[in-house]
Amino acid sequence: LFAHMDVVPEGEASLWKTNPWEVVQKG
């Protein structure tokens, strides 16, 4: 099984409804 550890940047921060680097749970 393979997984990559790198991620892409957040992009345009204003388009996020939450902080992209702090996980938020909704259900």
mmCIF file of all heavy atoms, coordinates in Angstrom:
data_MODEL
# 
_entry.id   MODEL 
# 
loop_
_atom_site.group_PDB 
_atom_site.id 
_atom_site.type_symbol 
_atom_site.label_atom_id 
_atom_site.label_alt_id 
_atom_site.label_comp_id 
_atom_site.label_asym_id 
_atom_site.label_entity_id 
_atom_site.label_seq_id 
_atom_site.pdbx_PDB_ins_code 
_atom_site.Cartn_x 
_atom_site.Cartn_y 
_atom_site.Cartn_z 
_atom_site.occupancy 
_atom_site.B_iso_or_equiv 
_atom_site.pdbx_formal_charge 
_atom_site.auth_seq_id 
_atom_site.auth_comp_id 
_atom_site.auth_asym_id 
_atom_site.auth_atom_id 
_atom_site.pdbx_PDB_model_num 
ATOM 1   N N   . LEU A 1 1  ? 0.855   -1.185 0.000  1.00 0.00 ? 1  LEU A N   1 
ATOM 2   C CA  . LEU A 1 1  ? 0.000   0.000  0.000  1.00 0.00 ? 1  LEU A CA  1 
ATOM 3   C C   . LEU A 1 1  ? 0.893   1.239  0.000  1.00 0.00 ? 1  LEU A C   1 
ATOM 4   O O   . LEU A 1 1  ? 1.896   1.275  0.715  1.00 0.00 ? 1  LEU A O   1 
ATOM 5   C CB  . LEU A 1 1  ? -0.914  0.010  1.228  1.00 0.00 ? 1  LEU A CB  1 
ATOM 6   C CG  . LEU A 1 1  ? -1.848  -1.200 1.395  1.00 0.00 ? 1  LEU A CG  1 
ATOM 7   C CD1 . LEU A 1 1  ? -2.581  -1.118 2.734  1.00 0.00 ? 1  LEU A CD1 1 
ATOM 8   C CD2 . LEU A 1 1  ? -2.843  -1.279 0.246  1.00 0.00 ? 1  LEU A CD2 1 
ATOM 9   N N   . PHE A 1 2  ? 0.519   2.241  -0.788 1.00 0.00 ? 2  PHE A N   1 
ATOM 10  C CA  . PHE A 1 2  ? 1.357   3.423  -0.958 1.00 0.00 ? 2  PHE A CA  1 
ATOM 11  C C   . PHE A 1 2  ? 0.580   4.687  -0.614 1.00 0.00 ? 2  PHE A C   1 
ATOM 12  O O   . PHE A 1 2  ? -0.585  4.849  -1.004 1.00 0.00 ? 2  PHE A O   1 
ATOM 13  C CB  . PHE A 1 2  ? 1.823   3.542  -2.416 1.00 0.00 ? 2  PHE A CB  1 
ATOM 14  C CG  . PHE A 1 2  ? 2.635   2.376  -2.914 1.00 0.00 ? 2  PHE A CG  1 
ATOM 15  C CD1 . PHE A 1 2  ? 2.012   1.212  -3.345 1.00 0.00 ? 2  PHE A CD1 1 
ATOM 16  C CD2 . PHE A 1 2  ? 4.019   2.443  -2.956 1.00 0.00 ? 2  PHE A CD2 1 
ATOM 17  C CE1 . PHE A 1 2  ? 2.756   0.130  -3.805 1.00 0.00 ? 2  PHE A CE1 1 
ATOM 18  C CE2 . PHE A 1 2  ? 4.771   1.373  -3.421 1.00 0.00 ? 2  PHE A CE2 1 
ATOM 19  C CZ  . PHE A 1 2  ? 4.136   0.210  -3.840 1.00 0.00 ? 2  PHE A CZ  1 
ATOM 20  N N   . ALA A 1 3  ? 1.231   5.607  0.091  1.00 0.00 ? 3  ALA A N   1 
ATOM 21  C CA  . ALA A 1 3  ? 0.660   6.926  0.351  1.00 0.00 ? 3  ALA A CA  1 
ATOM 22  C C   . ALA A 1 3  ? 1.762   7.962  0.214  1.00 0.00 ? 3  ALA A C   1 
ATOM 23  O O   . ALA A 1 3  ? 2.901   7.711  0.609  1.00 0.00 ? 3  ALA A O   1 
ATOM 24  C CB  . ALA A 1 3  ? 0.039   7.001  1.739  1.00 0.00 ? 3  ALA A CB  1 
ATOM 25  N N   . HIS A 1 4  ? 1.430   9.111  -0.352 1.00 0.00 ? 4  HIS A N   1 
ATOM 26  C CA  . HIS A 1 4  ? 2.434   10.180 -0.409 1.00 0.00 ? 4  HIS A CA  1 
ATOM 27  C C   . HIS A 1 4  ? 2.190   11.167 0.728  1.00 0.00 ? 4  HIS A C   1 
ATOM 28  O O   . HIS A 1 4  ? 1.047   11.465 1.096  1.00 0.00 ? 4  HIS A O   1 
ATOM 29  C CB  . HIS A 1 4  ? 2.476   10.865 -1.772 1.00 0.00 ? 4  HIS A CB  1 
ATOM 30  C CG  . HIS A 1 4  ? 1.233   11.606 -2.187 1.00 0.00 ? 4  HIS A CG  1 
ATOM 31  N ND1 . HIS A 1 4  ? 0.975   12.900 -1.787 1.00 0.00 ? 4  HIS A ND1 1 
ATOM 32  C CD2 . HIS A 1 4  ? 0.202   11.258 -2.983 1.00 0.00 ? 4  HIS A CD2 1 
ATOM 33  C CE1 . HIS A 1 4  ? -0.155  13.322 -2.332 1.00 0.00 ? 4  HIS A CE1 1 
ATOM 34  N NE2 . HIS A 1 4  ? -0.655  12.341 -3.048 1.00 0.00 ? 4  HIS A NE2 1 
ATOM 35  N N   . MET A 1 5  ? 3.287   11.642 1.279  1.00 0.00 ? 5  MET A N   1 
ATOM 36  C CA  . MET A 1 5  ? 3.227   12.501 2.455  1.00 0.00 ? 5  MET A CA  1 
ATOM 37  C C   . MET A 1 5  ? 3.138   13.982 2.123  1.00 0.00 ? 5  MET A C   1 
ATOM 38  O O   . MET A 1 5  ? 2.728   14.786 2.971  1.00 0.00 ? 5  MET A O   1 
ATOM 39  C CB  . MET A 1 5  ? 4.452   12.237 3.347  1.00 0.00 ? 5  MET A CB  1 
ATOM 40  C CG  . MET A 1 5  ? 4.499   10.833 3.910  1.00 0.00 ? 5  MET A CG  1 
ATOM 41  S SD  . MET A 1 5  ? 5.948   10.527 4.968  1.00 0.00 ? 5  MET A SD  1 
ATOM 42  C CE  . MET A 1 5  ? 7.273   10.452 3.732  1.00 0.00 ? 5  MET A CE  1 
ATOM 43  N N   . ASP A 1 6  ? 3.554   14.380 0.926  1.00 0.00 ? 6  ASP A N   1 
ATOM 44  C CA  . ASP A 1 6  ? 3.511   15.799 0.581  1.00 0.00 ? 6  ASP A CA  1 
ATOM 45  C C   . ASP A 1 6  ? 2.093   16.208 0.191  1.00 0.00 ? 6  ASP A C   1 
ATOM 46  O O   . ASP A 1 6  ? 1.279   15.395 -0.249 1.00 0.00 ? 6  ASP A O   1 
ATOM 47  C CB  . ASP A 1 6  ? 4.493   16.121 -0.546 1.00 0.00 ? 6  ASP A CB  1 
ATOM 48  C CG  . ASP A 1 6  ? 4.239   15.316 -1.812 1.00 0.00 ? 6  ASP A CG  1 
ATOM 49  O OD1 . ASP A 1 6  ? 3.905   14.117 -1.696 1.00 0.00 ? 6  ASP A OD1 1 
ATOM 50  O OD2 . ASP A 1 6  ? 4.380   15.873 -2.920 1.00 0.00 ? 6  ASP A OD2 1 
ATOM 51  N N   . VAL A 1 7  ? 1.810   17.495 0.372  1.00 0.00 ? 7  VAL A N   1 
ATOM 52  C CA  . VAL A 1 7  ? 0.519   18.062 0.001  1.00 0.00 ? 7  VAL A CA  1 
ATOM 53  C C   . VAL A 1 7  ? 0.759   19.311 -0.828 1.00 0.00 ? 7  VAL A C   1 
ATOM 54  O O   . VAL A 1 7  ? 1.864   19.872 -0.844 1.00 0.00 ? 7  VAL A O   1 
ATOM 55  C CB  . VAL A 1 7  ? -0.332  18.414 1.248  1.00 0.00 ? 7  VAL A CB  1 
ATOM 56  C CG1 . VAL A 1 7  ? -0.577  17.183 2.102  1.00 0.00 ? 7  VAL A CG1 1 
ATOM 57  C CG2 . VAL A 1 7  ? 0.332   19.515 2.080  1.00 0.00 ? 7  VAL A CG2 1 
ATOM 58  N N   . VAL A 1 8  ? -0.280  19.754 -1.515 1.00 0.00 ? 8  VAL A N   1 
ATOM 59  C CA  . VAL A 1 8  ? -0.177  20.994 -2.281 1.00 0.00 ? 8  VAL A CA  1 
ATOM 60  C C   . VAL A 1 8  ? -0.425  22.184 -1.349 1.00 0.00 ? 8  VAL A C   1 
ATOM 61  O O   . VAL A 1 8  ? -1.008  22.026 -0.267 1.00 0.00 ? 8  VAL A O   1 
ATOM 62  C CB  . VAL A 1 8  ? -1.185  21.022 -3.448 1.00 0.00 ? 8  VAL A CB  1 
ATOM 63  C CG1 . VAL A 1 8  ? -0.860  19.930 -4.455 1.00 0.00 ? 8  VAL A CG1 1 
ATOM 64  C CG2 . VAL A 1 8  ? -2.615  20.896 -2.955 1.00 0.00 ? 8  VAL A CG2 1 
ATOM 65  N N   . PRO A 1 9  ? -0.005  23.402 -1.741 1.00 0.00 ? 9  PRO A N   1 
ATOM 66  C CA  . PRO A 1 9  ? -0.307  24.583 -0.926 1.00 0.00 ? 9  PRO A CA  1 
ATOM 67  C C   . PRO A 1 9  ? -1.817  24.798 -0.821 1.00 0.00 ? 9  PRO A C   1 
ATOM 68  O O   . PRO A 1 9  ? -2.598  24.214 -1.575 1.00 0.00 ? 9  PRO A O   1 
ATOM 69  C CB  . PRO A 1 9  ? 0.376   25.718 -1.690 1.00 0.00 ? 9  PRO A CB  1 
ATOM 70  C CG  . PRO A 1 9  ? 1.389   25.053 -2.562 1.00 0.00 ? 9  PRO A CG  1 
ATOM 71  C CD  . PRO A 1 9  ? 0.825   23.718 -2.913 1.00 0.00 ? 9  PRO A CD  1 
ATOM 72  N N   . GLU A 1 10 ? -2.207  25.678 0.091  1.00 0.00 ? 10 GLU A N   1 
ATOM 73  C CA  . GLU A 1 10 ? -3.633  25.902 0.313  1.00 0.00 ? 10 GLU A CA  1 
ATOM 74  C C   . GLU A 1 10 ? -4.314  26.642 -0.819 1.00 0.00 ? 10 GLU A C   1 
ATOM 75  O O   . GLU A 1 10 ? -5.534  26.638 -0.949 1.00 0.00 ? 10 GLU A O   1 
ATOM 76  C CB  . GLU A 1 10 ? -3.864  26.660 1.628  1.00 0.00 ? 10 GLU A CB  1 
ATOM 77  C CG  . GLU A 1 10 ? -3.429  28.120 1.633  1.00 0.00 ? 10 GLU A CG  1 
ATOM 78  C CD  . GLU A 1 10 ? -1.977  28.298 2.055  1.00 0.00 ? 10 GLU A CD  1 
ATOM 79  O OE1 . GLU A 1 10 ? -1.175  27.369 1.843  1.00 0.00 ? 10 GLU A OE1 1 
ATOM 80  O OE2 . GLU A 1 10 ? -1.658  29.370 2.589  1.00 0.00 ? 10 GLU A OE2 1 
ATOM 81  N N   . GLY A 1 11 ? -3.528  27.318 -1.690 1.00 0.00 ? 11 GLY A N   1 
ATOM 82  C CA  . GLY A 1 11 ? -4.135  28.107 -2.754 1.00 0.00 ? 11 GLY A CA  1 
ATOM 83  C C   . GLY A 1 11 ? -4.653  29.428 -2.212 1.00 0.00 ? 11 GLY A C   1 
ATOM 84  O O   . GLY A 1 11 ? -4.101  29.992 -1.258 1.00 0.00 ? 11 GLY A O   1 
ATOM 85  N N   . GLU A 1 12 ? -5.729  29.925 -2.789 1.00 0.00 ? 12 GLU A N   1 
ATOM 86  C CA  . GLU A 1 12 ? -6.304  31.196 -2.365 1.00 0.00 ? 12 GLU A CA  1 
ATOM 87  C C   . GLU A 1 12 ? -6.961  31.042 -0.992 1.00 0.00 ? 12 GLU A C   1 
ATOM 88  O O   . GLU A 1 12 ? -8.009  30.409 -0.848 1.00 0.00 ? 12 GLU A O   1 
ATOM 89  C CB  . GLU A 1 12 ? -7.333  31.674 -3.394 1.00 0.00 ? 12 GLU A CB  1 
ATOM 90  C CG  . GLU A 1 12 ? -8.028  32.971 -3.032 1.00 0.00 ? 12 GLU A CG  1 
ATOM 91  C CD  . GLU A 1 12 ? -7.054  34.096 -2.710 1.00 0.00 ? 12 GLU A CD  1 
ATOM 92  O OE1 . GLU A 1 12 ? -6.191  34.396 -3.558 1.00 0.00 ? 12 GLU A OE1 1 
ATOM 93  O OE2 . GLU A 1 12 ? -7.147  34.659 -1.586 1.00 0.00 ? 12 GLU A OE2 1 
ATOM 94  N N   . ALA A 1 13 ? -6.335  31.639 0.011  1.00 0.00 ? 13 ALA A N   1 
ATOM 95  C CA  . ALA A 1 13 ? -6.779  31.443 1.400  1.00 0.00 ? 13 ALA A CA  1 
ATOM 96  C C   . ALA A 1 13 ? -8.203  31.940 1.628  1.00 0.00 ? 13 ALA A C   1 
ATOM 97  O O   . ALA A 1 13 ? -8.943  31.368 2.445  1.00 0.00 ? 13 ALA A O   1 
ATOM 98  C CB  . ALA A 1 13 ? -5.816  32.145 2.353  1.00 0.00 ? 13 ALA A CB  1 
ATOM 99  N N   . SER A 1 14 ? -8.617  32.983 0.905  1.00 0.00 ? 14 SER A N   1 
ATOM 100 C CA  . SER A 1 14 ? -9.946  33.553 1.125  1.00 0.00 ? 14 SER A CA  1 
ATOM 101 C C   . SER A 1 14 ? -11.072 32.612 0.710  1.00 0.00 ? 14 SER A C   1 
ATOM 102 O O   . SER A 1 14 ? -12.229 32.807 1.110  1.00 0.00 ? 14 SER A O   1 
ATOM 103 C CB  . SER A 1 14 ? -10.079 34.874 0.354  1.00 0.00 ? 14 SER A CB  1 
ATOM 104 O OG  . SER A 1 14 ? -10.008 34.650 -1.056 1.00 0.00 ? 14 SER A OG  1 
ATOM 105 N N   . LEU A 1 15 ? -10.756 31.595 -0.069 1.00 0.00 ? 15 LEU A N   1 
ATOM 106 C CA  . LEU A 1 15 ? -11.778 30.650 -0.512 1.00 0.00 ? 15 LEU A CA  1 
ATOM 107 C C   . LEU A 1 15 ? -12.052 29.556 0.522  1.00 0.00 ? 15 LEU A C   1 
ATOM 108 O O   . LEU A 1 15 ? -13.026 28.810 0.395  1.00 0.00 ? 15 LEU A O   1 
ATOM 109 C CB  . LEU A 1 15 ? -11.368 30.010 -1.837 1.00 0.00 ? 15 LEU A CB  1 
ATOM 110 C CG  . LEU A 1 15 ? -11.196 30.962 -3.027 1.00 0.00 ? 15 LEU A CG  1 
ATOM 111 C CD1 . LEU A 1 15 ? -10.728 30.200 -4.262 1.00 0.00 ? 15 LEU A CD1 1 
ATOM 112 C CD2 . LEU A 1 15 ? -12.504 31.685 -3.322 1.00 0.00 ? 15 LEU A CD2 1 
ATOM 113 N N   . TRP A 1 16 ? -11.201 29.478 1.535  1.00 0.00 ? 16 TRP A N   1 
ATOM 114 C CA  . TRP A 1 16 ? -11.388 28.482 2.589  1.00 0.00 ? 16 TRP A CA  1 
ATOM 115 C C   . TRP A 1 16 ? -12.357 29.026 3.648  1.00 0.00 ? 16 TRP A C   1 
ATOM 116 O O   . TRP A 1 16 ? -12.260 30.178 4.061  1.00 0.00 ? 16 TRP A O   1 
ATOM 117 C CB  . TRP A 1 16 ? -10.061 28.139 3.244  1.00 0.00 ? 16 TRP A CB  1 
ATOM 118 C CG  . TRP A 1 16 ? -9.190  27.240 2.422  1.00 0.00 ? 16 TRP A CG  1 
ATOM 119 C CD1 . TRP A 1 16 ? -8.386  27.599 1.384  1.00 0.00 ? 16 TRP A CD1 1 
ATOM 120 C CD2 . TRP A 1 16 ? -9.040  25.831 2.573  1.00 0.00 ? 16 TRP A CD2 1 
ATOM 121 N NE1 . TRP A 1 16 ? -7.744  26.496 0.876  1.00 0.00 ? 16 TRP A NE1 1 
ATOM 122 C CE2 . TRP A 1 16 ? -8.121  25.394 1.585  1.00 0.00 ? 16 TRP A CE2 1 
ATOM 123 C CE3 . TRP A 1 16 ? -9.579  24.885 3.446  1.00 0.00 ? 16 TRP A CE3 1 
ATOM 124 C CZ2 . TRP A 1 16 ? -7.742  24.051 1.444  1.00 0.00 ? 16 TRP A CZ2 1 
ATOM 125 C CZ3 . TRP A 1 16 ? -9.208  23.559 3.320  1.00 0.00 ? 16 TRP A CZ3 1 
ATOM 126 C CH2 . TRP A 1 16 ? -8.299  23.149 2.322  1.00 0.00 ? 16 TRP A CH2 1 
ATOM 127 N N   . LYS A 1 17 ? -13.254 28.159 4.105  1.00 0.00 ? 17 LYS A N   1 
ATOM 128 C CA  . LYS A 1 17 ? -14.174 28.527 5.170  1.00 0.00 ? 17 LYS A CA  1 
ATOM 129 C C   . LYS A 1 17 ? -13.588 28.238 6.552  1.00 0.00 ? 17 LYS A C   1 
ATOM 130 O O   . LYS A 1 17 ? -14.143 28.673 7.566  1.00 0.00 ? 17 LYS A O   1 
ATOM 131 C CB  . LYS A 1 17 ? -15.499 27.776 4.993  1.00 0.00 ? 17 LYS A CB  1 
ATOM 132 C CG  . LYS A 1 17 ? -16.229 28.146 3.705  1.00 0.00 ? 17 LYS A CG  1 
ATOM 133 C CD  . LYS A 1 17 ? -17.519 27.353 3.546  1.00 0.00 ? 17 LYS A CD  1 
ATOM 134 C CE  . LYS A 1 17 ? -18.223 27.720 2.252  1.00 0.00 ? 17 LYS A CE  1 
ATOM 135 N NZ  . LYS A 1 17 ? -19.469 26.927 2.049  1.00 0.00 ? 17 LYS A NZ  1 
ATOM 136 N N   . THR A 1 18 ? -12.496 27.475 6.565  1.00 0.00 ? 18 THR A N   1 
ATOM 137 C CA  . THR A 1 18 ? -11.792 27.156 7.814  1.00 0.00 ? 18 THR A CA  1 
ATOM 138 C C   . THR A 1 18 ? -10.296 27.330 7.569  1.00 0.00 ? 18 THR A C   1 
ATOM 139 O O   . THR A 1 18 ? -9.854  27.494 6.425  1.00 0.00 ? 18 THR A O   1 
ATOM 140 C CB  . THR A 1 18 ? -12.070 25.712 8.264  1.00 0.00 ? 18 THR A CB  1 
ATOM 141 O OG1 . THR A 1 18 ? -11.584 24.803 7.252  1.00 0.00 ? 18 THR A OG1 1 
ATOM 142 C CG2 . THR A 1 18 ? -13.559 25.481 8.473  1.00 0.00 ? 18 THR A CG2 1 
ATOM 143 N N   . ASN A 1 19 ? -9.509  27.281 8.623  1.00 0.00 ? 19 ASN A N   1 
ATOM 144 C CA  . ASN A 1 19 ? -8.055  27.309 8.480  1.00 0.00 ? 19 ASN A CA  1 
ATOM 145 C C   . ASN A 1 19 ? -7.616  26.008 7.797  1.00 0.00 ? 19 ASN A C   1 
ATOM 146 O O   . ASN A 1 19 ? -7.860  24.921 8.325  1.00 0.00 ? 19 ASN A O   1 
ATOM 147 C CB  . ASN A 1 19 ? -7.400  27.431 9.859  1.00 0.00 ? 19 ASN A CB  1 
ATOM 148 C CG  . ASN A 1 19 ? -5.886  27.572 9.787  1.00 0.00 ? 19 ASN A CG  1 
ATOM 149 O OD1 . ASN A 1 19 ? -5.234  27.120 8.840  1.00 0.00 ? 19 ASN A OD1 1 
ATOM 150 N ND2 . ASN A 1 19 ? -5.307  28.199 10.799 1.00 0.00 ? 19 ASN A ND2 1 
ATOM 151 N N   . PRO A 1 20 ? -6.989  26.099 6.623  1.00 0.00 ? 20 PRO A N   1 
ATOM 152 C CA  . PRO A 1 20 ? -6.641  24.869 5.903  1.00 0.00 ? 20 PRO A CA  1 
ATOM 153 C C   . PRO A 1 20 ? -5.657  23.971 6.629  1.00 0.00 ? 20 PRO A C   1 
ATOM 154 O O   . PRO A 1 20 ? -5.554  22.782 6.320  1.00 0.00 ? 20 PRO A O   1 
ATOM 155 C CB  . PRO A 1 20 ? -6.038  25.397 4.591  1.00 0.00 ? 20 PRO A CB  1 
ATOM 156 C CG  . PRO A 1 20 ? -5.625  26.795 4.872  1.00 0.00 ? 20 PRO A CG  1 
ATOM 157 C CD  . PRO A 1 20 ? -6.601  27.308 5.881  1.00 0.00 ? 20 PRO A CD  1 
ATOM 158 N N   . TRP A 1 21 ? -4.926  24.522 7.608  1.00 0.00 ? 21 TRP A N   1 
ATOM 159 C CA  . TRP A 1 21 ? -3.898  23.742 8.303  1.00 0.00 ? 21 TRP A CA  1 
ATOM 160 C C   . TRP A 1 21 ? -4.342  23.293 9.694  1.00 0.00 ? 21 TRP A C   1 
ATOM 161 O O   . TRP A 1 21 ? -3.545  22.790 10.477 1.00 0.00 ? 21 TRP A O   1 
ATOM 162 C CB  . TRP A 1 21 ? -2.602  24.547 8.383  1.00 0.00 ? 21 TRP A CB  1 
ATOM 163 C CG  . TRP A 1 21 ? -2.138  24.967 7.015  1.00 0.00 ? 21 TRP A CG  1 
ATOM 164 C CD1 . TRP A 1 21 ? -2.119  26.222 6.505  1.00 0.00 ? 21 TRP A CD1 1 
ATOM 165 C CD2 . TRP A 1 21 ? -1.658  24.104 5.973  1.00 0.00 ? 21 TRP A CD2 1 
ATOM 166 N NE1 . TRP A 1 21 ? -1.659  26.214 5.213  1.00 0.00 ? 21 TRP A NE1 1 
ATOM 167 C CE2 . TRP A 1 21 ? -1.364  24.928 4.856  1.00 0.00 ? 21 TRP A CE2 1 
ATOM 168 C CE3 . TRP A 1 21 ? -1.448  22.733 5.872  1.00 0.00 ? 21 TRP A CE3 1 
ATOM 169 C CZ2 . TRP A 1 21 ? -0.867  24.409 3.657  1.00 0.00 ? 21 TRP A CZ2 1 
ATOM 170 C CZ3 . TRP A 1 21 ? -0.961  22.219 4.680  1.00 0.00 ? 21 TRP A CZ3 1 
ATOM 171 C CH2 . TRP A 1 21 ? -0.675  23.050 3.594  1.00 0.00 ? 21 TRP A CH2 1 
ATOM 172 N N   . GLU A 1 22 ? -5.626  23.483 10.013 1.00 0.00 ? 22 GLU A N   1 
ATOM 173 C CA  . GLU A 1 22 ? -6.205  22.986 11.258 1.00 0.00 ? 22 GLU A CA  1 
ATOM 174 C C   . GLU A 1 22 ? -7.464  22.208 10.913 1.00 0.00 ? 22 GLU A C   1 
ATOM 175 O O   . GLU A 1 22 ? -8.439  22.780 10.440 1.00 0.00 ? 22 GLU A O   1 
ATOM 176 C CB  . GLU A 1 22 ? -6.535  24.136 12.214 1.00 0.00 ? 22 GLU A CB  1 
ATOM 177 C CG  . GLU A 1 22 ? -5.311  24.882 12.718 1.00 0.00 ? 22 GLU A CG  1 
ATOM 178 C CD  . GLU A 1 22 ? -5.675  26.019 13.667 1.00 0.00 ? 22 GLU A CD  1 
ATOM 179 O OE1 . GLU A 1 22 ? -6.883  26.146 13.991 1.00 0.00 ? 22 GLU A OE1 1 
ATOM 180 O OE2 . GLU A 1 22 ? -4.770  26.769 14.064 1.00 0.00 ? 22 GLU A OE2 1 
ATOM 181 N N   . VAL A 1 23 ? -7.431  20.906 11.122 1.00 0.00 ? 23 VAL A N   1 
ATOM 182 C CA  . VAL A 1 23 ? -8.553  20.056 10.737 1.00 0.00 ? 23 VAL A CA  1 
ATOM 183 C C   . VAL A 1 23 ? -9.795  20.404 11.547 1.00 0.00 ? 23 VAL A C   1 
ATOM 184 O O   . VAL A 1 23 ? -9.739  20.536 12.771 1.00 0.00 ? 23 VAL A O   1 
ATOM 185 C CB  . VAL A 1 23 ? -8.193  18.566 10.914 1.00 0.00 ? 23 VAL A CB  1 
ATOM 186 C CG1 . VAL A 1 23 ? -9.437  17.690 10.789 1.00 0.00 ? 23 VAL A CG1 1 
ATOM 187 C CG2 . VAL A 1 23 ? -7.151  18.159 9.885  1.00 0.00 ? 23 VAL A CG2 1 
ATOM 188 N N   . VAL A 1 24 ? -10.909 20.554 10.838 1.00 0.00 ? 24 VAL A N   1 
ATOM 189 C CA  . VAL A 1 24 ? -12.201 20.813 11.461 1.00 0.00 ? 24 VAL A CA  1 
ATOM 190 C C   . VAL A 1 24 ? -13.142 19.670 11.111 1.00 0.00 ? 24 VAL A C   1 
ATOM 191 O O   . VAL A 1 24 ? -13.246 19.288 9.941  1.00 0.00 ? 24 VAL A O   1 
ATOM 192 C CB  . VAL A 1 24 ? -12.797 22.150 10.973 1.00 0.00 ? 24 VAL A CB  1 
ATOM 193 C CG1 . VAL A 1 24 ? -14.223 22.329 11.488 1.00 0.00 ? 24 VAL A CG1 1 
ATOM 194 C CG2 . VAL A 1 24 ? -11.916 23.319 11.425 1.00 0.00 ? 24 VAL A CG2 1 
ATOM 195 N N   . GLN A 1 25 ? -13.799 19.114 12.115 1.00 0.00 ? 25 GLN A N   1 
ATOM 196 C CA  . GLN A 1 25 ? -14.742 18.026 11.885 1.00 0.00 ? 25 GLN A CA  1 
ATOM 197 C C   . GLN A 1 25 ? -16.158 18.563 11.808 1.00 0.00 ? 25 GLN A C   1 
ATOM 198 O O   . GLN A 1 25 ? -16.605 19.349 12.648 1.00 0.00 ? 25 GLN A O   1 
ATOM 199 C CB  . GLN A 1 25 ? -14.653 16.981 12.998 1.00 0.00 ? 25 GLN A CB  1 
ATOM 200 C CG  . GLN A 1 25 ? -15.608 15.804 12.795 1.00 0.00 ? 25 GLN A CG  1 
ATOM 201 C CD  . GLN A 1 25 ? -15.502 14.745 13.880 1.00 0.00 ? 25 GLN A CD  1 
ATOM 202 O OE1 . GLN A 1 25 ? -14.683 14.861 14.793 1.00 0.00 ? 25 GLN A OE1 1 
ATOM 203 N NE2 . GLN A 1 25 ? -16.320 13.712 13.784 1.00 0.00 ? 25 GLN A NE2 1 
ATOM 204 N N   . LYS A 1 26 ? -16.885 18.139 10.769 1.00 0.00 ? 26 LYS A N   1 
ATOM 205 C CA  . LYS A 1 26 ? -18.300 18.442 10.623 1.00 0.00 ? 26 LYS A CA  1 
ATOM 206 C C   . LYS A 1 26 ? -19.014 17.136 10.313 1.00 0.00 ? 26 LYS A C   1 
ATOM 207 O O   . LYS A 1 26 ? -19.046 16.686 9.165  1.00 0.00 ? 26 LYS A O   1 
ATOM 208 C CB  . LYS A 1 26 ? -18.532 19.462 9.509  1.00 0.00 ? 26 LYS A CB  1 
ATOM 209 C CG  . LYS A 1 26 ? -17.872 20.816 9.756  1.00 0.00 ? 26 LYS A CG  1 
ATOM 210 C CD  . LYS A 1 26 ? -18.147 21.799 8.622  1.00 0.00 ? 26 LYS A CD  1 
ATOM 211 C CE  . LYS A 1 26 ? -17.480 23.144 8.871  1.00 0.00 ? 26 LYS A CE  1 
ATOM 212 N NZ  . LYS A 1 26 ? -17.736 24.116 7.765  1.00 0.00 ? 26 LYS A NZ  1 
ATOM 213 N N   . GLY A 1 27 ? -19.537 16.502 11.349 1.00 0.00 ? 27 GLY A N   1 
ATOM 214 C CA  . GLY A 1 27 ? -20.161 15.204 11.176 1.00 0.00 ? 27 GLY A CA  1 
ATOM 215 C C   . GLY A 1 27 ? -19.139 14.160 10.764 1.00 0.00 ? 27 GLY A C   1 
ATOM 216 O O   . GLY A 1 27 ? -18.127 13.954 11.436 1.00 0.00 ? 27 GLY A O   1 
# 
